[in-house]
N, C-alpha and C. Protein backbone atom coordinates (compact mmCIF):
# COMPACT_ATOMS: atom_id res chain seq x y z
N MET A 1 70.91 225.36 119.43
CA MET A 1 70.96 224.07 119.74
C MET A 1 70.23 223.45 118.38
N SER A 2 68.64 223.72 118.85
CA SER A 2 68.08 222.66 118.66
C SER A 2 68.03 222.98 116.68
N GLN A 3 68.70 224.16 116.38
CA GLN A 3 69.54 223.65 114.51
C GLN A 3 69.95 223.08 114.16
N ASP A 4 71.27 223.25 114.93
CA ASP A 4 72.26 222.19 114.94
C ASP A 4 71.79 220.87 114.72
N ALA A 5 71.16 220.11 116.22
CA ALA A 5 70.84 219.05 116.36
C ALA A 5 69.32 218.91 114.98
N VAL A 6 68.79 219.12 114.40
CA VAL A 6 68.12 218.76 113.64
C VAL A 6 69.80 218.41 111.69
N ARG A 7 70.27 219.75 111.59
CA ARG A 7 71.29 219.14 111.10
C ARG A 7 71.77 218.03 110.88
N GLN A 8 71.88 217.58 111.88
CA GLN A 8 72.95 216.85 112.27
C GLN A 8 71.89 215.51 112.19
N ARG A 9 70.56 215.53 113.05
CA ARG A 9 69.66 214.12 112.47
C ARG A 9 69.06 213.99 110.97
N TYR A 10 69.12 215.36 109.89
CA TYR A 10 68.94 215.48 108.70
C TYR A 10 70.23 214.60 108.16
N LEU A 11 71.44 214.77 108.15
CA LEU A 11 72.87 214.11 108.06
C LEU A 11 72.85 212.49 108.27
N GLU A 12 72.22 212.39 109.45
CA GLU A 12 72.46 211.11 109.58
C GLU A 12 71.05 210.50 109.04
N ILE A 13 70.02 210.77 108.43
CA ILE A 13 68.88 210.33 107.49
C ILE A 13 69.61 209.71 106.29
N ASN A 14 70.08 211.35 105.64
CA ASN A 14 69.93 211.45 104.20
C ASN A 14 71.39 211.05 104.20
N GLY A 15 72.49 211.42 104.64
CA GLY A 15 73.93 210.86 104.16
C GLY A 15 74.55 212.58 104.22
N ILE A 16 75.96 212.35 103.60
CA ILE A 16 76.84 213.92 103.46
C ILE A 16 76.63 213.98 101.81
N HIS A 17 76.01 214.58 101.39
CA HIS A 17 76.11 214.88 99.66
C HIS A 17 75.98 216.38 99.55
N PRO A 18 77.01 217.09 99.04
CA PRO A 18 76.85 218.32 99.68
C PRO A 18 75.88 218.54 97.96
N MET A 19 74.81 219.91 98.33
CA MET A 19 74.25 220.44 97.23
C MET A 19 74.85 221.33 96.45
N THR A 20 74.93 220.94 95.29
CA THR A 20 75.27 222.33 94.18
C THR A 20 74.80 223.29 94.10
N SER A 21 74.91 223.61 92.92
CA SER A 21 73.84 225.34 92.83
C SER A 21 72.44 225.01 91.97
N GLU A 22 72.73 223.92 91.30
CA GLU A 22 71.51 223.89 90.66
C GLU A 22 70.22 222.63 91.59
N ASP A 23 71.02 222.18 92.51
CA ASP A 23 70.23 221.69 93.52
C ASP A 23 69.01 222.60 94.36
N ASP A 24 70.84 223.62 94.62
CA ASP A 24 69.88 224.50 95.61
C ASP A 24 68.76 225.96 94.72
N GLU A 25 68.63 225.84 93.43
CA GLU A 25 67.89 226.24 92.64
C GLU A 25 66.76 225.45 92.64
N TYR A 26 67.24 224.43 92.84
CA TYR A 26 65.73 223.14 92.09
C TYR A 26 64.52 223.61 93.68
N VAL A 27 65.97 223.17 94.51
CA VAL A 27 64.90 223.39 96.39
C VAL A 27 63.54 224.62 95.85
N THR A 28 64.76 225.34 96.10
CA THR A 28 64.35 227.39 96.42
C THR A 28 63.25 227.50 95.33
N LYS A 29 62.64 226.81 94.43
CA LYS A 29 62.01 226.54 93.86
C LYS A 29 59.99 226.05 94.53
N GLN A 30 61.12 224.83 94.70
CA GLN A 30 59.38 223.74 94.95
C GLN A 30 59.56 223.68 96.40
N PHE A 31 59.93 224.39 97.10
CA PHE A 31 60.08 224.30 99.41
C PHE A 31 60.25 225.94 99.39
N ARG A 32 60.06 225.75 100.91
CA ARG A 32 59.97 227.01 102.07
C ARG A 32 61.08 226.91 102.62
N VAL A 33 61.48 228.11 103.17
CA VAL A 33 63.18 228.25 103.95
C VAL A 33 62.10 228.15 104.79
N LEU A 34 62.32 227.19 106.45
CA LEU A 34 62.00 226.50 107.58
C LEU A 34 61.10 228.15 107.90
N THR A 35 62.53 228.94 108.25
CA THR A 35 62.40 229.92 109.40
C THR A 35 61.84 231.24 108.53
N GLU A 36 61.57 231.00 107.19
CA GLU A 36 60.47 232.06 106.44
C GLU A 36 59.07 231.85 106.76
N LEU A 37 58.81 230.26 106.72
CA LEU A 37 57.53 229.07 107.02
C LEU A 37 57.20 229.63 108.62
N CYS A 38 57.76 229.68 109.23
CA CYS A 38 57.28 229.58 110.21
C CYS A 38 57.34 231.47 110.84
N ALA A 39 58.15 232.45 110.34
CA ALA A 39 57.66 233.45 109.98
C ALA A 39 55.90 234.10 109.82
N GLU A 40 55.97 233.26 108.33
CA GLU A 40 55.01 233.66 107.87
C GLU A 40 53.57 232.68 109.01
N ALA A 41 53.82 232.00 109.12
CA ALA A 41 52.69 231.13 109.90
C ALA A 41 52.23 231.67 111.52
N GLY A 42 53.66 232.32 112.00
CA GLY A 42 53.69 233.16 113.58
C GLY A 42 53.82 231.87 114.51
N ARG A 43 55.06 231.46 113.87
CA ARG A 43 55.67 229.67 114.68
C ARG A 43 56.90 230.52 115.26
N ASP A 44 57.05 229.84 116.62
CA ASP A 44 58.74 230.14 116.98
C ASP A 44 58.93 228.33 116.05
N VAL A 45 59.90 229.36 115.82
CA VAL A 45 61.29 228.17 114.69
C VAL A 45 61.96 227.13 115.32
N ALA A 46 62.22 227.87 116.91
CA ALA A 46 63.16 226.83 117.90
C ALA A 46 61.97 225.57 118.34
N GLU A 47 60.82 226.05 118.15
CA GLU A 47 59.50 225.04 118.96
C GLU A 47 59.38 223.64 117.56
N VAL A 48 59.07 224.35 116.66
CA VAL A 48 58.84 223.97 115.31
C VAL A 48 59.75 222.50 115.44
N ARG A 49 61.32 223.70 115.24
CA ARG A 49 62.68 222.15 115.25
C ARG A 49 62.51 221.26 116.66
N GLN A 50 62.47 221.68 117.71
CA GLN A 50 61.97 220.90 118.78
C GLN A 50 60.59 219.80 118.19
N LEU A 51 59.51 219.89 117.59
CA LEU A 51 58.68 219.56 117.29
C LEU A 51 59.50 218.25 116.36
N MET A 52 60.21 218.31 115.30
CA MET A 52 60.70 217.39 114.17
C MET A 52 61.60 216.78 115.15
N LEU A 53 62.69 217.53 116.54
CA LEU A 53 63.28 216.55 116.76
C LEU A 53 62.16 215.20 117.41
N ASP A 54 61.01 215.77 117.83
CA ASP A 54 60.50 214.68 119.25
C ASP A 54 59.42 214.16 118.36
N HIS A 55 59.82 213.79 116.96
CA HIS A 55 59.43 212.84 115.94
C HIS A 55 57.33 213.09 116.04
N LYS A 56 57.52 214.89 116.06
CA LYS A 56 55.69 215.34 115.91
C LYS A 56 55.51 215.59 114.24
N LEU A 57 56.55 216.38 113.77
CA LEU A 57 57.02 216.83 112.45
C LEU A 57 57.61 217.02 111.60
N PRO A 58 57.90 216.72 110.46
CA PRO A 58 58.78 215.79 109.77
C PRO A 58 60.28 216.72 109.67
N MET A 59 60.61 215.94 109.13
CA MET A 59 62.50 216.61 108.97
C MET A 59 62.29 217.45 107.70
N PRO A 60 63.32 218.60 107.84
CA PRO A 60 63.09 219.24 106.34
C PRO A 60 63.41 218.04 105.57
N GLY A 61 63.24 218.96 104.61
CA GLY A 61 63.51 217.63 102.99
C GLY A 61 64.99 217.67 102.33
N TYR A 62 65.49 219.05 102.70
CA TYR A 62 66.69 219.14 102.06
C TYR A 62 67.28 220.57 102.97
N LEU A 63 68.93 220.12 103.23
CA LEU A 63 69.47 221.23 103.59
C LEU A 63 70.10 221.76 102.51
N ARG A 64 69.73 223.40 102.15
CA ARG A 64 70.61 223.82 101.07
C ARG A 64 72.22 224.33 101.46
N SER A 65 72.54 224.70 100.33
CA SER A 65 73.81 224.89 100.69
C SER A 65 74.45 225.44 101.58
N ASP A 66 73.54 226.66 101.44
CA ASP A 66 73.68 227.95 102.83
C ASP A 66 73.39 227.62 103.88
N GLY A 67 72.83 226.14 104.35
CA GLY A 67 72.69 225.72 105.44
C GLY A 67 71.16 225.85 105.96
N ALA A 68 70.02 227.01 104.71
CA ALA A 68 68.71 226.53 104.98
C ALA A 68 67.86 225.75 105.30
N GLU A 69 67.40 225.24 106.66
CA GLU A 69 66.41 224.40 106.60
C GLU A 69 64.92 224.08 105.38
N MET A 70 64.89 223.28 104.21
CA MET A 70 64.33 223.00 102.93
C MET A 70 62.48 222.69 103.47
N VAL A 71 61.89 222.75 103.59
CA VAL A 71 59.94 222.92 103.92
C VAL A 71 59.27 222.13 102.60
N PRO A 72 58.39 221.58 102.70
CA PRO A 72 57.25 221.59 102.25
C PRO A 72 56.19 222.61 102.78
N ALA A 73 55.55 223.43 101.24
CA ALA A 73 54.96 224.51 102.10
C ALA A 73 53.65 224.33 102.94
N ASP A 74 52.77 222.88 102.73
CA ASP A 74 52.35 222.22 104.16
C ASP A 74 52.82 222.19 105.04
N LEU A 75 53.87 222.25 105.04
CA LEU A 75 54.24 221.25 106.48
C LEU A 75 53.29 221.50 107.79
N PHE A 76 52.54 222.50 107.68
CA PHE A 76 51.56 222.51 109.30
C PHE A 76 50.08 222.22 108.88
N THR A 77 49.96 221.55 107.97
CA THR A 77 48.36 221.50 107.52
C THR A 77 47.74 220.80 108.24
N LEU A 78 48.21 219.48 108.31
CA LEU A 78 47.72 218.19 109.19
C LEU A 78 48.18 219.07 111.11
N ALA A 79 49.17 219.65 110.94
CA ALA A 79 48.82 219.85 112.90
C ALA A 79 47.56 220.46 113.13
N ASP A 80 47.57 221.40 112.12
CA ASP A 80 47.06 222.91 112.36
C ASP A 80 44.71 222.40 112.25
N ARG A 81 45.20 221.33 111.35
CA ARG A 81 43.52 220.69 111.48
C ARG A 81 43.62 219.69 112.44
N LEU A 82 44.18 219.02 112.71
CA LEU A 82 44.00 217.44 113.95
C LEU A 82 44.37 218.21 115.18
N GLY A 83 46.02 219.09 115.11
CA GLY A 83 46.27 219.42 116.80
C GLY A 83 47.00 218.38 116.73
N ILE A 84 48.79 218.65 116.61
CA ILE A 84 49.79 218.13 116.50
C ILE A 84 50.16 216.96 118.00
N ASP A 85 49.24 216.51 118.83
CA ASP A 85 49.26 215.59 119.22
C ASP A 85 48.22 214.31 119.28
N ASN A 86 47.65 214.87 117.43
CA ASN A 86 46.67 213.53 117.18
C ASN A 86 46.88 213.40 115.46
N VAL A 87 48.23 214.15 115.30
CA VAL A 87 48.80 213.32 113.87
C VAL A 87 48.46 212.60 114.05
N ARG A 88 50.05 211.47 114.75
CA ARG A 88 49.93 210.16 114.66
C ARG A 88 48.84 209.24 115.18
N GLN A 89 48.72 209.41 115.16
CA GLN A 89 47.31 208.00 115.54
C GLN A 89 46.46 208.18 114.21
N TRP A 90 46.49 209.38 113.72
CA TRP A 90 45.38 210.22 112.80
C TRP A 90 46.17 209.07 111.80
N PHE A 91 47.31 209.60 111.55
CA PHE A 91 47.86 209.32 110.06
C PHE A 91 48.07 207.15 110.32
N VAL A 92 48.44 207.47 110.98
CA VAL A 92 48.70 205.54 111.00
C VAL A 92 47.36 204.72 110.92
N ALA A 93 46.37 205.30 111.07
CA ALA A 93 45.32 204.43 111.14
C ALA A 93 44.55 204.67 109.59
N GLN A 94 45.38 205.36 108.92
CA GLN A 94 44.71 205.43 107.09
C GLN A 94 45.29 204.28 106.33
N TRP A 95 46.35 203.11 107.20
CA TRP A 95 46.65 202.68 106.28
C TRP A 95 45.73 201.28 107.39
N GLU A 96 46.11 199.92 106.51
CA GLU A 96 45.23 199.05 107.04
C GLU A 96 45.55 197.88 108.38
N ASN A 97 46.87 198.32 108.29
CA ASN A 97 47.18 198.06 109.88
C ASN A 97 48.19 198.78 109.93
N ASP A 98 48.44 198.28 112.00
CA ASP A 98 49.27 199.46 112.32
C ASP A 98 50.68 199.17 111.70
N ALA A 99 51.50 198.16 111.34
CA ALA A 99 52.81 198.00 111.06
C ALA A 99 52.89 199.06 109.73
N GLU A 100 51.89 198.85 108.66
CA GLU A 100 52.17 200.09 107.61
C GLU A 100 51.89 200.63 108.26
N GLY A 101 51.11 201.57 109.04
CA GLY A 101 50.59 203.03 108.92
C GLY A 101 51.86 203.46 109.69
N ASN A 102 52.63 202.21 111.09
CA ASN A 102 54.11 202.93 111.81
C ASN A 102 55.06 203.06 110.48
N ASP A 103 55.50 202.43 109.62
CA ASP A 103 55.92 202.65 108.22
C ASP A 103 56.37 203.78 108.13
N ALA A 104 55.01 204.02 107.32
CA ALA A 104 54.43 205.07 106.54
C ALA A 104 54.80 206.59 107.48
N TRP A 105 54.44 206.24 109.20
CA TRP A 105 54.31 207.11 110.10
C TRP A 105 55.82 207.58 109.76
N ASN A 106 56.70 206.47 109.73
CA ASN A 106 58.41 207.06 110.10
C ASN A 106 58.98 207.54 108.48
N SER A 107 58.75 207.14 107.89
CA SER A 107 58.86 207.31 106.14
C SER A 107 58.22 208.90 106.70
N TYR A 108 57.19 209.59 106.34
CA TYR A 108 56.89 210.97 106.86
C TYR A 108 57.59 211.62 107.75
N LEU A 109 58.01 211.04 108.42
CA LEU A 109 59.08 212.28 109.48
C LEU A 109 60.35 212.20 108.89
N SER A 110 60.92 211.56 108.31
CA SER A 110 62.10 211.38 108.11
C SER A 110 62.18 212.83 106.94
N GLY A 111 61.40 213.31 106.61
CA GLY A 111 61.36 214.19 104.82
C GLY A 111 62.03 213.95 104.15
N ARG A 112 61.91 212.49 103.95
CA ARG A 112 62.46 212.19 102.46
C ARG A 112 61.38 211.63 101.47
N ASN A 113 60.20 211.83 101.27
CA ASN A 113 59.27 211.92 100.63
C ASN A 113 58.69 213.71 100.12
N VAL A 114 59.96 213.69 99.50
CA VAL A 114 60.59 214.76 99.24
C VAL A 114 59.54 214.71 97.05
N CYS A 115 59.41 213.22 97.06
CA CYS A 115 58.85 212.65 96.00
C CYS A 115 57.01 212.91 95.83
N LEU A 116 56.94 213.58 96.60
CA LEU A 116 55.79 214.31 96.66
C LEU A 116 55.12 215.56 96.08
N HIS A 117 54.70 216.51 95.76
CA HIS A 117 54.20 218.03 95.89
C HIS A 117 53.16 218.00 97.36
N SER A 118 52.50 216.73 97.76
CA SER A 118 51.43 216.93 98.79
C SER A 118 51.93 215.87 99.90
N VAL A 119 52.76 215.67 101.03
CA VAL A 119 53.14 214.19 101.16
C VAL A 119 51.25 213.86 102.48
N THR A 120 50.82 213.35 102.24
CA THR A 120 49.95 212.71 103.11
C THR A 120 50.13 211.44 103.04
N PRO A 121 48.72 210.69 103.46
CA PRO A 121 48.65 209.33 103.50
C PRO A 121 48.47 209.22 102.01
N ALA A 122 46.77 209.83 101.59
CA ALA A 122 46.38 209.30 100.55
C ALA A 122 47.12 209.42 98.76
N THR A 123 48.29 210.13 99.88
CA THR A 123 49.39 210.67 98.49
C THR A 123 50.77 209.76 98.65
N MET A 124 50.84 209.20 99.54
CA MET A 124 51.41 208.36 99.59
C MET A 124 51.14 206.76 99.03
N GLN A 125 49.82 206.18 99.73
CA GLN A 125 49.18 205.23 99.24
C GLN A 125 48.99 205.25 97.87
N ARG A 126 48.36 206.33 97.30
CA ARG A 126 48.47 206.54 95.46
C ARG A 126 50.10 205.93 94.71
N LYS A 127 50.97 207.22 95.46
CA LYS A 127 52.20 206.69 94.70
C LYS A 127 52.82 205.38 94.49
N ASP A 128 52.64 204.58 95.53
CA ASP A 128 53.13 203.26 95.49
C ASP A 128 51.42 202.07 94.94
N GLN A 129 49.99 202.52 94.96
CA GLN A 129 49.49 201.74 94.10
C GLN A 129 49.99 202.19 92.46
N LEU A 130 50.29 203.39 92.31
CA LEU A 130 50.35 203.80 90.74
C LEU A 130 52.16 202.68 90.30
N ILE A 131 52.82 203.00 91.41
CA ILE A 131 53.84 202.15 91.02
C ILE A 131 53.14 200.17 90.61
N GLN A 132 53.10 200.25 91.50
CA GLN A 132 52.02 198.79 91.25
C GLN A 132 51.73 198.17 90.05
N ALA A 133 51.29 199.28 89.55
CA ALA A 133 50.11 198.80 88.63
C ALA A 133 51.47 199.25 87.26
N ILE A 134 52.20 200.19 87.49
CA ILE A 134 53.23 200.53 86.26
C ILE A 134 53.85 199.02 85.84
N ASN A 135 54.47 198.56 87.30
CA ASN A 135 54.53 197.46 87.11
C ASN A 135 54.06 195.86 86.31
N ALA A 136 52.75 196.13 86.66
CA ALA A 136 51.82 194.90 86.40
C ALA A 136 51.19 195.82 84.24
N ALA A 137 51.19 196.45 84.72
CA ALA A 137 51.14 197.23 83.32
C ALA A 137 51.63 196.70 82.08
N THR A 138 50.45 196.03 81.08
CA THR A 138 51.41 195.50 80.29
C THR A 138 51.00 196.19 78.52
N GLU A 139 49.80 197.42 78.82
CA GLU A 139 49.55 198.05 77.32
C GLU A 139 49.75 199.02 77.34
N PRO A 140 50.40 199.96 76.41
CA PRO A 140 50.92 200.89 76.27
C PRO A 140 50.02 202.07 76.86
N ASP A 141 48.52 201.80 76.54
CA ASP A 141 47.78 203.55 76.51
C ASP A 141 47.23 203.14 78.24
N ASP A 142 47.76 201.72 78.72
CA ASP A 142 47.49 201.76 80.20
C ASP A 142 48.67 202.44 81.40
N LEU A 143 50.29 201.91 80.26
CA LEU A 143 51.30 202.52 80.93
C LEU A 143 51.33 204.39 80.76
N ARG A 144 51.26 204.53 79.47
CA ARG A 144 51.22 205.85 79.64
C ARG A 144 49.96 206.56 80.93
N LYS A 145 49.10 206.12 80.73
CA LYS A 145 47.94 206.53 81.65
C LYS A 145 48.42 206.67 83.13
N LEU A 146 49.62 205.58 83.42
CA LEU A 146 49.43 205.75 84.78
C LEU A 146 50.84 206.35 85.33
N SER A 147 51.34 206.52 83.88
CA SER A 147 52.60 207.90 84.02
C SER A 147 52.25 208.86 84.85
N ASP A 148 51.30 209.16 83.29
CA ASP A 148 51.35 210.63 83.36
C ASP A 148 50.75 210.79 85.05
N GLU A 149 49.78 210.06 85.65
CA GLU A 149 48.42 210.40 87.21
C GLU A 149 50.15 210.54 87.84
N LEU A 150 51.23 209.50 88.03
CA LEU A 150 51.93 209.61 88.95
C LEU A 150 53.16 210.79 88.39
N ASP A 151 53.05 211.35 87.22
CA ASP A 151 53.52 212.61 86.93
C ASP A 151 52.73 214.37 87.87
N ARG A 152 51.52 214.09 87.68
CA ARG A 152 50.87 214.81 88.57
C ARG A 152 51.33 214.73 90.09
N LEU A 153 51.60 213.95 90.66
CA LEU A 153 51.77 213.69 92.26
C LEU A 153 53.71 214.19 92.20
N GLU A 154 54.36 213.74 91.43
CA GLU A 154 56.17 214.06 91.95
C GLU A 154 56.66 215.59 91.38
N PRO A 155 57.16 216.12 91.76
CA PRO A 155 57.45 216.95 91.28
C PRO A 155 58.94 216.54 90.76
N GLU A 156 59.71 217.34 90.03
CA GLU A 156 60.76 216.71 89.58
C GLU A 156 61.66 216.78 90.53
N PHE A 157 62.99 215.43 90.26
CA PHE A 157 63.84 215.82 91.76
C PHE A 157 65.01 216.70 91.60
N ALA A 158 65.31 216.45 92.84
CA ALA A 158 67.42 218.06 92.31
C ALA A 158 68.10 216.31 92.15
N PRO A 159 69.46 216.98 91.35
CA PRO A 159 70.62 215.82 91.42
C PRO A 159 70.63 215.14 92.67
N TYR A 160 70.77 215.75 93.41
CA TYR A 160 71.33 215.62 95.02
C TYR A 160 70.47 214.65 95.14
N ASP A 161 69.15 214.21 95.10
CA ASP A 161 68.28 212.88 95.31
C ASP A 161 68.74 211.69 94.96
N ARG A 162 69.34 211.72 93.57
CA ARG A 162 70.14 210.48 93.41
C ARG A 162 70.71 209.60 94.11
N LEU A 163 72.20 211.11 94.70
CA LEU A 163 73.48 210.42 95.21
C LEU A 163 72.43 209.61 96.39
N ARG A 164 71.52 210.49 97.55
CA ARG A 164 71.47 210.53 99.04
C ARG A 164 70.07 209.03 98.72
N PHE A 165 69.45 208.61 97.56
CA PHE A 165 68.73 207.49 97.13
C PHE A 165 69.34 206.63 96.90
N GLY A 166 70.78 206.77 96.51
CA GLY A 166 71.38 205.62 95.76
C GLY A 166 71.08 205.58 94.51
N GLY A 167 70.85 206.19 93.14
CA GLY A 167 70.61 205.64 92.35
C GLY A 167 69.21 206.31 91.76
N PRO A 168 68.82 205.34 90.71
CA PRO A 168 67.74 206.60 89.77
C PRO A 168 66.39 206.66 91.01
N VAL A 169 65.73 207.67 91.15
CA VAL A 169 64.28 207.70 92.13
C VAL A 169 63.77 207.20 91.05
N SER A 170 62.24 207.32 91.70
CA SER A 170 61.12 206.96 91.28
C SER A 170 60.39 207.87 89.82
N ARG A 171 60.55 209.18 89.35
CA ARG A 171 60.33 209.73 88.45
C ARG A 171 61.19 209.09 87.12
N ASP A 172 62.54 208.70 88.09
CA ASP A 172 63.06 208.28 86.13
C ASP A 172 62.81 206.48 86.21
N THR A 173 62.55 205.76 86.87
CA THR A 173 62.24 204.45 86.48
C THR A 173 60.71 204.24 85.97
N TYR A 174 59.77 205.28 86.61
CA TYR A 174 58.44 205.21 86.14
C TYR A 174 57.42 206.24 85.02
N ILE A 175 58.52 207.22 85.17
CA ILE A 175 58.43 208.37 84.56
C ILE A 175 58.95 208.37 83.28
N THR A 176 59.83 209.00 83.41
CA THR A 176 61.13 209.40 82.42
C THR A 176 61.07 208.00 81.63
N ALA A 177 61.73 206.74 82.04
CA ALA A 177 62.14 205.73 81.08
C ALA A 177 60.99 204.42 80.73
N VAL A 178 59.37 204.71 81.22
CA VAL A 178 58.05 204.32 80.75
C VAL A 178 57.89 205.56 79.02
N ARG A 179 58.35 206.83 79.96
CA ARG A 179 57.39 208.06 78.41
C ARG A 179 58.62 207.29 77.39
N ASP A 180 59.84 207.24 77.77
CA ASP A 180 60.85 206.66 76.58
C ASP A 180 60.71 205.28 76.04
N ARG A 181 60.58 204.24 76.66
CA ARG A 181 59.90 203.20 75.97
C ARG A 181 58.64 203.25 75.34
N LEU A 182 57.87 204.42 75.45
CA LEU A 182 56.63 204.60 74.40
C LEU A 182 56.86 205.30 73.98
N SER A 183 57.90 205.38 73.60
CA SER A 183 58.03 206.96 72.21
C SER A 183 58.44 206.18 71.23
């Protein structure tokens, strides 16, 4: 039951965009299969899925074409460090105001932050700062430095991401396009 409910919520969040073999290959390299990660961590997968549905852990970042729920390797890091019932309060407190913190928390829970190697308040904030700085930069050296730093935060994206996000992703706009412009 909870696997079907997670799949349904995932589709509500991301829409229906079939994964290709290229998408599957990328996702398999960048993410972990939820059932395997749970087995390695000694966690009950049904309980973890329920925590996702209860808005205590992020949803999977991807559903591979075989149905595997793909999650980041560090899915349990904040819950292990802080305790599952303390993560939200800590997370929201990392922003200057509760409204921003709650928006970031909801984004985190959506599983759509596949644009970061590690999804933490610090990396989410740094990505936003870098994008603002890239938009404001006028000097080629500054643009290159900022784009390179963003490149270190972001993995490559799957072609699927351009479908579910409705167009270019941040890597396309703030790394690839910037580098093309500078070359």
